Amino acid sequence: STYMDPDTWFERHPAKEGSWWPEWSAWLAEKSGKEKGPPPSL
């Protein structure tokens, strides 16, 4: 992608109601391995 200045970015991305936490969690899951497994020991 080419650079987009912050004000243009703001105008082109409408607000969504709610928390950004689920978006981040989903993004992290997407960047993680597909197979879950047992948790490691402490």
All heavy atoms as atom14 arrays in JSON, in Angstrom:
{
  "sequence": "STYMDPDTWFERHPAKEGSWWPEWSAWLAEKSGKEKGPPPSL",
  "atom14_mask": [
    [1, 1, 1, 1, 1, 1, 0, 0, 0, 0, 0, 0, 0, 0],
    [1, 1, 1, 1, 1, 1, 1, 0, 0, 0, 0, 0, 0, 0],
    [1, 1, 1, 1, 1, 1, 1, 1, 1, 1, 1, 1, 0, 0],
    [1, 1, 1, 1, 1, 1, 1, 1, 0, 0, 0, 0, 0, 0],
    [1, 1, 1, 1, 1, 1, 1, 1, 0, 0, 0, 0, 0, 0],
    [1, 1, 1, 1, 1, 1, 1, 0, 0, 0, 0, 0, 0, 0],
    [1, 1, 1, 1, 1, 1, 1, 1, 0, 0, 0, 0, 0, 0],
    [1, 1, 1, 1, 1, 1, 1, 0, 0, 0, 0, 0, 0, 0],
    [1, 1, 1, 1, 1, 1, 1, 1, 1, 1, 1, 1, 1, 1],
    [1, 1, 1, 1, 1, 1, 1, 1, 1, 1, 1, 0, 0, 0],
    [1, 1, 1, 1, 1, 1, 1, 1, 1, 0, 0, 0, 0, 0],
    [1, 1, 1, 1, 1, 1, 1, 1, 1, 1, 1, 0, 0, 0],
    [1, 1, 1, 1, 1, 1, 1, 1, 1, 1, 0, 0, 0, 0],
    [1, 1, 1, 1, 1, 1, 1, 0, 0, 0, 0, 0, 0, 0],
    [1, 1, 1, 1, 1, 0, 0, 0, 0, 0, 0, 0, 0, 0],
    [1, 1, 1, 1, 1, 1, 1, 1, 1, 0, 0, 0, 0, 0],
    [1, 1, 1, 1, 1, 1, 1, 1, 1, 0, 0, 0, 0, 0],
    [1, 1, 1, 1, 0, 0, 0, 0, 0, 0, 0, 0, 0, 0],
    [1, 1, 1, 1, 1, 1, 0, 0, 0, 0, 0, 0, 0, 0],
    [1, 1, 1, 1, 1, 1, 1, 1, 1, 1, 1, 1, 1, 1],
    [1, 1, 1, 1, 1, 1, 1, 1, 1, 1, 1, 1, 1, 1],
    [1, 1, 1, 1, 1, 1, 1, 0, 0, 0, 0, 0, 0, 0],
    [1, 1, 1, 1, 1, 1, 1, 1, 1, 0, 0, 0, 0, 0],
    [1, 1, 1, 1, 1, 1, 1, 1, 1, 1, 1, 1, 1, 1],
    [1, 1, 1, 1, 1, 1, 0, 0, 0, 0, 0, 0, 0, 0],
    [1, 1, 1, 1, 1, 0, 0, 0, 0, 0, 0, 0, 0, 0],
    [1, 1, 1, 1, 1, 1, 1, 1, 1, 1, 1, 1, 1, 1],
    [1, 1, 1, 1, 1, 1, 1, 1, 0, 0, 0, 0, 0, 0],
    [1, 1, 1, 1, 1, 0, 0, 0, 0, 0, 0, 0, 0, 0],
    [1, 1, 1, 1, 1, 1, 1, 1, 1, 0, 0, 0, 0, 0],
    [1, 1, 1, 1, 1, 1, 1, 1, 1, 0, 0, 0, 0, 0],
    [1, 1, 1, 1, 1, 1, 0, 0, 0, 0, 0, 0, 0, 0],
    [1, 1, 1, 1, 0, 0, 0, 0, 0, 0, 0, 0, 0, 0],
    [1, 1, 1, 1, 1, 1, 1, 1, 1, 0, 0, 0, 0, 0],
    [1, 1, 1, 1, 1, 1, 1, 1, 1, 0, 0, 0, 0, 0],
    [1, 1, 1, 1, 1, 1, 1, 1, 1, 0, 0, 0, 0, 0],
    [1, 1, 1, 1, 0, 0, 0, 0, 0, 0, 0, 0, 0, 0],
    [1, 1, 1, 1, 1, 1, 1, 0, 0, 0, 0, 0, 0, 0],
    [1, 1, 1, 1, 1, 1, 1, 0, 0, 0, 0, 0, 0, 0],
    [1, 1, 1, 1, 1, 1, 1, 0, 0, 0, 0, 0, 0, 0],
    [1, 1, 1, 1, 1, 1, 0, 0, 0, 0, 0, 0, 0, 0],
    [1, 1, 1, 1, 1, 1, 1, 1, 0, 0, 0, 0, 0, 0]
  ],
  "atom14_positions": [
    [[0.82, -1.21, 0.0], [0.0, 0.0, 0.0], [0.85, 1.26, 0.0], [1.97, 1.28, 0.53], [-0.91, 0.01, 1.22], [-1.79, -1.09, 1.23], [0.0, 0.0, 0.0], [0.0, 0.0, 0.0], [0.0, 0.0, 0.0], [0.0, 0.0, 0.0], [0.0, 0.0, 0.0], [0.0, 0.0, 0.0], [0.0, 0.0, 0.0], [0.0, 0.0, 0.0]],
    [[0.3, 2.33, -0.57], [0.94, 3.64, -0.5], [0.48, 4.35, 0.77], [-0.51, 3.97, 1.4], [0.59, 4.48, -1.73], [-0.84, 4.6, -1.82], [1.15, 3.85, -2.99], [0.0, 0.0, 0.0], [0.0, 0.0, 0.0], [0.0, 0.0, 0.0], [0.0, 0.0, 0.0], [0.0, 0.0, 0.0], [0.0, 0.0, 0.0], [0.0, 0.0, 0.0]],
    [[1.2, 5.4, 1.11], [0.92, 6.12, 2.37], [-0.4, 6.88, 2.28], [-0.73, 7.47, 1.25], [2.06, 7.08, 2.67], [1.81, 7.98, 3.85], [1.81, 7.47, 5.15], [1.54, 9.34, 3.68], [1.58, 8.29, 6.24], [1.32, 10.17, 4.77], [1.32, 9.63, 6.04], [1.09, 10.45, 7.13], [0.0, 0.0, 0.0], [0.0, 0.0, 0.0]],
    [[-1.14, 6.88, 3.39], [-2.36, 7.67, 3.53], [-2.21, 8.56, 4.76], [-1.88, 8.09, 5.84], [-3.58, 6.76, 3.69], [-4.91, 7.52, 3.79], [-6.32, 6.39, 4.09], [-6.25, 5.35, 2.64], [0.0, 0.0, 0.0], [0.0, 0.0, 0.0], [0.0, 0.0, 0.0], [0.0, 0.0, 0.0], [0.0, 0.0, 0.0], [0.0, 0.0, 0.0]],
    [[-2.42, 9.87, 4.58], [-2.24, 10.8, 5.71], [-3.33, 10.56, 6.75], [-4.4, 10.01, 6.45], [-2.26, 12.24, 5.22], [-3.63, 12.67, 4.74], [-4.44, 13.11, 5.56], [-3.89, 12.54, 3.51], [0.0, 0.0, 0.0], [0.0, 0.0, 0.0], [0.0, 0.0, 0.0], [0.0, 0.0, 0.0], [0.0, 0.0, 0.0], [0.0, 0.0, 0.0]],
    [[-3.1, 10.97, 8.01], [-4.04, 10.62, 9.09], [-5.43, 11.2, 8.92], [-6.42, 10.54, 9.24], [-3.35, 11.15, 10.35], [-2.35, 12.13, 9.87], [-1.91, 11.65, 8.54], [0.0, 0.0, 0.0], [0.0, 0.0, 0.0], [0.0, 0.0, 0.0], [0.0, 0.0, 0.0], [0.0, 0.0, 0.0], [0.0, 0.0, 0.0], [0.0, 0.0, 0.0]],
    [[-5.54, 12.43, 8.42], [-6.88, 13.03, 8.28], [-7.69, 12.32, 7.19], [-8.9, 12.13, 7.33], [-6.75, 14.53, 7.98], [-6.17, 15.3, 9.15], [-6.41, 14.89, 10.3], [-5.45, 16.29, 8.92], [0.0, 0.0, 0.0], [0.0, 0.0, 0.0], [0.0, 0.0, 0.0], [0.0, 0.0, 0.0], [0.0, 0.0, 0.0], [0.0, 0.0, 0.0]],
    [[-7.01, 11.96, 6.1], [-7.7, 11.19, 5.06], [-8.11, 9.83, 5.6], [-9.22, 9.34, 5.33], [-6.79, 11.02, 3.82], [-6.45, 12.31, 3.31], [-7.48, 10.21, 2.74], [0.0, 0.0, 0.0], [0.0, 0.0, 0.0], [0.0, 0.0, 0.0], [0.0, 0.0, 0.0], [0.0, 0.0, 0.0], [0.0, 0.0, 0.0], [0.0, 0.0, 0.0]],
    [[-7.2, 9.19, 6.35], [-7.53, 7.9, 6.97], [-8.77, 8.04, 7.84], [-9.68, 7.2, 7.78], [-6.35, 7.42, 7.81], [-6.55, 6.06, 8.42], [-6.16, 4.86, 7.91], [-7.22, 5.77, 9.66], [-6.54, 3.83, 8.75], [-7.19, 4.36, 9.82], [-7.84, 6.54, 10.63], [-7.76, 3.73, 10.93], [-8.41, 5.92, 11.73], [-8.36, 4.54, 11.88]],
    [[-8.85, 9.1, 8.64], [-9.99, 9.32, 9.53], [-11.29, 9.43, 8.74], [-12.32, 8.85, 9.11], [-9.75, 10.58, 10.36], [-10.78, 10.84, 11.41], [-10.63, 10.33, 12.69], [-11.91, 11.6, 11.13], [-11.59, 10.57, 13.67], [-12.87, 11.84, 12.1], [-12.71, 11.32, 13.37], [0.0, 0.0, 0.0], [0.0, 0.0, 0.0], [0.0, 0.0, 0.0]],
    [[-11.25, 10.18, 7.64], [-12.46, 10.39, 6.83], [-12.92, 9.1, 6.16], [-14.13, 8.9, 5.96], [-12.19, 11.45, 5.77], [-11.97, 12.85, 6.34], [-11.53, 13.84, 5.27], [-11.4, 13.41, 4.09], [-11.34, 15.03, 5.6], [0.0, 0.0, 0.0], [0.0, 0.0, 0.0], [0.0, 0.0, 0.0], [0.0, 0.0, 0.0], [0.0, 0.0, 0.0]],
    [[-11.99, 8.23, 5.8], [-12.34, 7.03, 5.02], [-12.69, 5.82, 5.88], [-13.08, 4.79, 5.34], [-11.18, 6.68, 4.08], [-10.95, 7.72, 3.0], [-9.87, 7.27, 2.02], [-9.63, 8.28, 0.99], [-8.73, 8.16, 0.03], [-7.99, 7.05, -0.06], [-8.57, 9.11, -0.87], [0.0, 0.0, 0.0], [0.0, 0.0, 0.0], [0.0, 0.0, 0.0]],
    [[-12.52, 5.94, 7.18], [-12.81, 4.8, 8.05], [-13.87, 5.2, 9.07], [-13.57, 5.87, 10.07], [-11.53, 4.32, 8.74], [-10.51, 3.78, 7.79], [-9.61, 4.58, 7.14], [-10.28, 2.5, 7.36], [-8.85, 3.84, 6.36], [-9.23, 2.58, 6.47], [0.0, 0.0, 0.0], [0.0, 0.0, 0.0], [0.0, 0.0, 0.0], [0.0, 0.0, 0.0]],
    [[-15.11, 4.82, 8.83], [-16.2, 5.21, 9.74], [-16.07, 4.54, 11.1], [-15.45, 3.48, 11.26], [-17.45, 4.73, 9.0], [-16.97, 3.62, 8.12], [-15.57, 3.99, 7.71], [0.0, 0.0, 0.0], [0.0, 0.0, 0.0], [0.0, 0.0, 0.0], [0.0, 0.0, 0.0], [0.0, 0.0, 0.0], [0.0, 0.0, 0.0], [0.0, 0.0, 0.0]],
    [[-16.67, 5.19, 12.09], [-16.63, 4.67, 13.45], [-17.52, 3.45, 13.59], [-18.6, 3.36, 12.98], [-17.05, 5.75, 14.44], [0.0, 0.0, 0.0], [0.0, 0.0, 0.0], [0.0, 0.0, 0.0], [0.0, 0.0, 0.0], [0.0, 0.0, 0.0], [0.0, 0.0, 0.0], [0.0, 0.0, 0.0], [0.0, 0.0, 0.0], [0.0, 0.0, 0.0]],
    [[-17.05, 2.49, 14.38], [-17.83, 1.32, 14.73], [-18.12, 1.37, 16.23], [-17.25, 1.7, 17.02], [-17.05, 0.04, 14.41], [-16.74, -0.17, 12.93], [-16.02, -1.51, 12.74], [-15.75, -1.79, 11.28], [-15.11, -3.12, 11.09], [0.0, 0.0, 0.0], [0.0, 0.0, 0.0], [0.0, 0.0, 0.0], [0.0, 0.0, 0.0], [0.0, 0.0, 0.0]],
    [[-19.33, 1.02, 16.61], [-19.67, 1.03, 18.01], [-19.05, -0.19, 18.71], [-18.94, -1.27, 18.13], [-21.19, 1.0, 18.19], [-21.89, 2.24, 17.66], [-21.42, 3.51, 18.34], [-21.25, 3.51, 19.58], [-21.2, 4.52, 17.63], [0.0, 0.0, 0.0], [0.0, 0.0, 0.0], [0.0, 0.0, 0.0], [0.0, 0.0, 0.0], [0.0, 0.0, 0.0]],
    [[-18.65, 0.02, 19.96], [-18.16, -1.09, 20.76], [-16.68, -1.02, 21.05], [-16.03, 0.02, 20.86], [0.0, 0.0, 0.0], [0.0, 0.0, 0.0], [0.0, 0.0, 0.0], [0.0, 0.0, 0.0], [0.0, 0.0, 0.0], [0.0, 0.0, 0.0], [0.0, 0.0, 0.0], [0.0, 0.0, 0.0], [0.0, 0.0, 0.0], [0.0, 0.0, 0.0]],
    [[-16.14, -2.12, 21.52], [-14.75, -2.22, 21.97], [-13.86, -2.73, 20.85], [-14.26, -3.58, 20.04], [-14.67, -3.19, 23.16], [-13.34, -3.58, 23.42], [0.0, 0.0, 0.0], [0.0, 0.0, 0.0], [0.0, 0.0, 0.0], [0.0, 0.0, 0.0], [0.0, 0.0, 0.0], [0.0, 0.0, 0.0], [0.0, 0.0, 0.0], [0.0, 0.0, 0.0]],
    [[-12.61, -2.23, 20.85], [-11.64, -2.73, 19.87], [-10.97, -4.02, 20.33], [-10.29, -4.68, 19.53], [-10.56, -1.67, 19.6], [-9.76, -1.27, 20.81], [-10.02, -0.23, 21.66], [-8.56, -1.9, 21.31], [-9.08, -0.18, 22.66], [-8.17, -1.18, 22.46], [-7.79, -2.98, 20.89], [-7.03, -1.53, 23.21], [-6.66, -3.33, 21.62], [-6.3, -2.61, 22.77]],
    [[-11.16, -4.44, 21.58], [-10.5, -5.64, 22.08], [-10.8, -6.88, 21.24], [-9.87, -7.65, 20.92], [-10.9, -5.89, 23.54], [-10.3, -4.94, 24.52], [-9.63, -3.77, 24.25], [-10.3, -5.07, 25.95], [-9.24, -3.15, 25.41], [-9.64, -3.93, 26.48], [-10.82, -6.01, 26.83], [-9.48, -3.73, 27.84], [-10.67, -5.83, 28.2], [-9.99, -4.69, 28.69]],
    [[-12.08, -7.16, 20.87], [-12.33, -8.35, 20.05], [-11.63, -8.3, 18.69], [-11.21, -9.35, 18.17], [-13.86, -8.35, 19.89], [-14.36, -7.62, 21.09], [-13.35, -6.55, 21.33], [0.0, 0.0, 0.0], [0.0, 0.0, 0.0], [0.0, 0.0, 0.0], [0.0, 0.0, 0.0], [0.0, 0.0, 0.0], [0.0, 0.0, 0.0], [0.0, 0.0, 0.0]],
    [[-11.49, -7.09, 18.12], [-10.77, -6.96, 16.85], [-9.31, -7.4, 17.03], [-8.75, -8.11, 16.18], [-10.81, -5.51, 16.36], [-12.18, -5.01, 15.96], [-12.52, -5.31, 14.51], [-11.76, -6.08, 13.87], [-13.53, -4.77, 14.02], [0.0, 0.0, 0.0], [0.0, 0.0, 0.0], [0.0, 0.0, 0.0], [0.0, 0.0, 0.0], [0.0, 0.0, 0.0]],
    [[-8.7, -6.96, 18.13], [-7.3, -7.32, 18.38], [-7.17, -8.82, 18.64], [-6.27, -9.48, 18.12], [-6.75, -6.52, 19.56], [-5.3, -6.74, 19.82], [-4.31, -6.93, 18.89], [-4.65, -6.82, 21.09], [-3.08, -7.1, 19.51], [-3.27, -7.03, 20.85], [-5.09, -6.7, 22.4], [-2.35, -7.14, 21.9], [-4.18, -6.81, 23.44], [-2.82, -7.02, 23.18]],
    [[-8.08, -9.37, 19.45], [-8.03, -10.79, 19.75], [-8.15, -11.62, 18.47], [-7.41, -12.6, 18.28], [-9.15, -11.16, 20.72], [-9.18, -12.54, 20.98], [0.0, 0.0, 0.0], [0.0, 0.0, 0.0], [0.0, 0.0, 0.0], [0.0, 0.0, 0.0], [0.0, 0.0, 0.0], [0.0, 0.0, 0.0], [0.0, 0.0, 0.0], [0.0, 0.0, 0.0]],
    [[-9.06, -11.22, 17.59], [-9.24, -11.95, 16.33], [-7.99, -11.82, 15.46], [-7.58, -12.77, 14.78], [-10.47, -11.42, 15.6], [0.0, 0.0, 0.0], [0.0, 0.0, 0.0], [0.0, 0.0, 0.0], [0.0, 0.0, 0.0], [0.0, 0.0, 0.0], [0.0, 0.0, 0.0], [0.0, 0.0, 0.0], [0.0, 0.0, 0.0], [0.0, 0.0, 0.0]],
    [[-7.39, -10.62, 15.46], [-6.17, -10.4, 14.67], [-5.03, -11.27, 15.2], [-4.3, -11.89, 14.42], [-5.81, -8.93, 14.74], [-4.63, -8.51, 13.92], [-4.62, -8.13, 12.6], [-3.27, -8.38, 14.37], [-3.35, -7.79, 12.19], [-2.5, -7.94, 13.26], [-2.63, -8.6, 15.58], [-1.13, -7.71, 13.34], [-1.27, -8.38, 15.67], [-0.53, -7.94, 14.57]],
    [[-4.88, -11.34, 16.52], [-3.84, -12.18, 17.11], [-4.08, -13.65, 16.77], [-3.14, -14.4, 16.45], [-3.81, -12.0, 18.63], [-3.26, -10.67, 19.16], [-3.54, -10.54, 20.65], [-1.76, -10.56, 18.88], [0.0, 0.0, 0.0], [0.0, 0.0, 0.0], [0.0, 0.0, 0.0], [0.0, 0.0, 0.0], [0.0, 0.0, 0.0], [0.0, 0.0, 0.0]],
    [[-5.35, -14.08, 16.83], [-5.67, -15.47, 16.5], [-5.33, -15.77, 15.04], [-4.82, -16.85, 14.71], [-7.15, -15.74, 16.78], [0.0, 0.0, 0.0], [0.0, 0.0, 0.0], [0.0, 0.0, 0.0], [0.0, 0.0, 0.0], [0.0, 0.0, 0.0], [0.0, 0.0, 0.0], [0.0, 0.0, 0.0], [0.0, 0.0, 0.0], [0.0, 0.0, 0.0]],
    [[-5.61, -14.79, 14.17], [-5.3, -14.97, 12.74], [-3.8, -15.1, 12.51], [-3.35, -15.83, 11.61], [-5.86, -13.78, 11.96], [-5.57, -13.81, 10.47], [-5.96, -12.51, 9.79], [-6.86, -11.81, 10.3], [-5.35, -12.19, 8.75], [0.0, 0.0, 0.0], [0.0, 0.0, 0.0], [0.0, 0.0, 0.0], [0.0, 0.0, 0.0], [0.0, 0.0, 0.0]],
    [[-3.0, -14.38, 13.31], [-1.54, -14.43, 13.15], [-0.91, -15.59, 13.93], [0.32, -15.73, 13.94], [-0.91, -13.11, 13.63], [-1.47, -11.86, 12.94], [-1.32, -11.91, 11.44], [-1.93, -10.68, 10.78], [-1.93, -10.8, 9.3], [0.0, 0.0, 0.0], [0.0, 0.0, 0.0], [0.0, 0.0, 0.0], [0.0, 0.0, 0.0], [0.0, 0.0, 0.0]],
    [[-1.73, -16.4, 14.58], [-1.24, -17.52, 15.37], [-1.38, -18.82, 14.57], [-2.04, -18.86, 13.53], [-2.03, -17.65, 16.68], [-1.9, -16.48, 17.47], [0.0, 0.0, 0.0], [0.0, 0.0, 0.0], [0.0, 0.0, 0.0], [0.0, 0.0, 0.0], [0.0, 0.0, 0.0], [0.0, 0.0, 0.0], [0.0, 0.0, 0.0], [0.0, 0.0, 0.0]],
    [[-0.75, -19.86, 15.09], [-0.9, -21.17, 14.49], [-2.34, -21.65, 14.56], [-3.1, -21.27, 15.47], [0.0, 0.0, 0.0], [0.0, 0.0, 0.0], [0.0, 0.0, 0.0], [0.0, 0.0, 0.0], [0.0, 0.0, 0.0], [0.0, 0.0, 0.0], [0.0, 0.0, 0.0], [0.0, 0.0, 0.0], [0.0, 0.0, 0.0], [0.0, 0.0, 0.0]],
    [[-2.75, -22.48, 13.61], [-4.16, -22.88, 13.51], [-4.56, -23.89, 14.57], [-5.73, -23.95, 14.97], [-4.43, -23.45, 12.12], [-4.13, -22.48, 10.99], [-4.84, -21.14, 11.17], [-4.49, -20.17, 10.06], [-5.08, -18.81, 10.31], [0.0, 0.0, 0.0], [0.0, 0.0, 0.0], [0.0, 0.0, 0.0], [0.0, 0.0, 0.0], [0.0, 0.0, 0.0]],
    [[-3.64, -24.69, 15.03], [-3.97, -25.75, 15.98], [-3.7, -25.31, 17.42], [-2.57, -25.0, 17.78], [-3.17, -27.01, 15.67], [-3.46, -27.61, 14.31], [-4.89, -28.13, 14.2], [-5.42, -28.58, 15.24], [-5.45, -28.08, 13.09], [0.0, 0.0, 0.0], [0.0, 0.0, 0.0], [0.0, 0.0, 0.0], [0.0, 0.0, 0.0], [0.0, 0.0, 0.0]],
    [[-4.78, -25.3, 18.23], [-4.59, -25.05, 19.65], [-4.11, -26.32, 20.33], [-4.29, -27.43, 19.82], [-5.9, -24.58, 20.29], [-6.34, -23.17, 19.87], [-7.56, -22.76, 20.67], [-7.98, -21.34, 20.36], [-9.15, -20.9, 21.16], [0.0, 0.0, 0.0], [0.0, 0.0, 0.0], [0.0, 0.0, 0.0], [0.0, 0.0, 0.0], [0.0, 0.0, 0.0]],
    [[-3.5, -26.13, 21.51], [-3.0, -27.27, 22.25], [-3.1, -27.02, 23.73], [-3.56, -25.96, 24.18], [0.0, 0.0, 0.0], [0.0, 0.0, 0.0], [0.0, 0.0, 0.0], [0.0, 0.0, 0.0], [0.0, 0.0, 0.0], [0.0, 0.0, 0.0], [0.0, 0.0, 0.0], [0.0, 0.0, 0.0], [0.0, 0.0, 0.0], [0.0, 0.0, 0.0]],
    [[-2.67, -27.97, 24.54], [-2.71, -27.79, 25.99], [-1.8, -26.64, 26.41], [-0.75, -26.42, 25.79], [-2.23, -29.13, 26.55], [-1.46, -29.74, 25.42], [-2.12, -29.28, 24.15], [0.0, 0.0, 0.0], [0.0, 0.0, 0.0], [0.0, 0.0, 0.0], [0.0, 0.0, 0.0], [0.0, 0.0, 0.0], [0.0, 0.0, 0.0], [0.0, 0.0, 0.0]],
    [[-2.16, -25.9, 27.44], [-1.34, -24.77, 27.87], [0.0, -25.22, 28.43], [0.1, -26.32, 29.0], [-2.19, -24.08, 28.93], [-3.14, -25.12, 29.41], [-3.39, -26.03, 28.26], [0.0, 0.0, 0.0], [0.0, 0.0, 0.0], [0.0, 0.0, 0.0], [0.0, 0.0, 0.0], [0.0, 0.0, 0.0], [0.0, 0.0, 0.0], [0.0, 0.0, 0.0]],
    [[1.03, -24.41, 28.3], [2.33, -24.75, 28.89], [2.27, -24.65, 30.41], [1.38, -24.01, 30.97], [3.27, -23.7, 28.29], [2.39, -22.52, 28.02], [1.06, -23.1, 27.62], [0.0, 0.0, 0.0], [0.0, 0.0, 0.0], [0.0, 0.0, 0.0], [0.0, 0.0, 0.0], [0.0, 0.0, 0.0], [0.0, 0.0, 0.0], [0.0, 0.0, 0.0]],
    [[3.22, -25.26, 31.06], [3.3, -25.17, 32.51], [3.71, -23.77, 32.91], [4.25, -22.99, 32.11], [4.31, -26.18, 33.04], [5.61, -25.89, 32.51], [0.0, 0.0, 0.0], [0.0, 0.0, 0.0], [0.0, 0.0, 0.0], [0.0, 0.0, 0.0], [0.0, 0.0, 0.0], [0.0, 0.0, 0.0], [0.0, 0.0, 0.0], [0.0, 0.0, 0.0]],
    [[3.44, -23.43, 34.18], [3.87, -22.13, 34.7], [5.36, -22.22, 35.02], [5.78, -22.97, 35.9], [3.07, -21.76, 35.95], [1.59, -21.46, 35.73], [0.91, -21.12, 37.04], [1.41, -20.31, 34.75], [0.0, 0.0, 0.0], [0.0, 0.0, 0.0], [0.0, 0.0, 0.0], [0.0, 0.0, 0.0], [0.0, 0.0, 0.0], [0.0, 0.0, 0.0]]
  ]
}
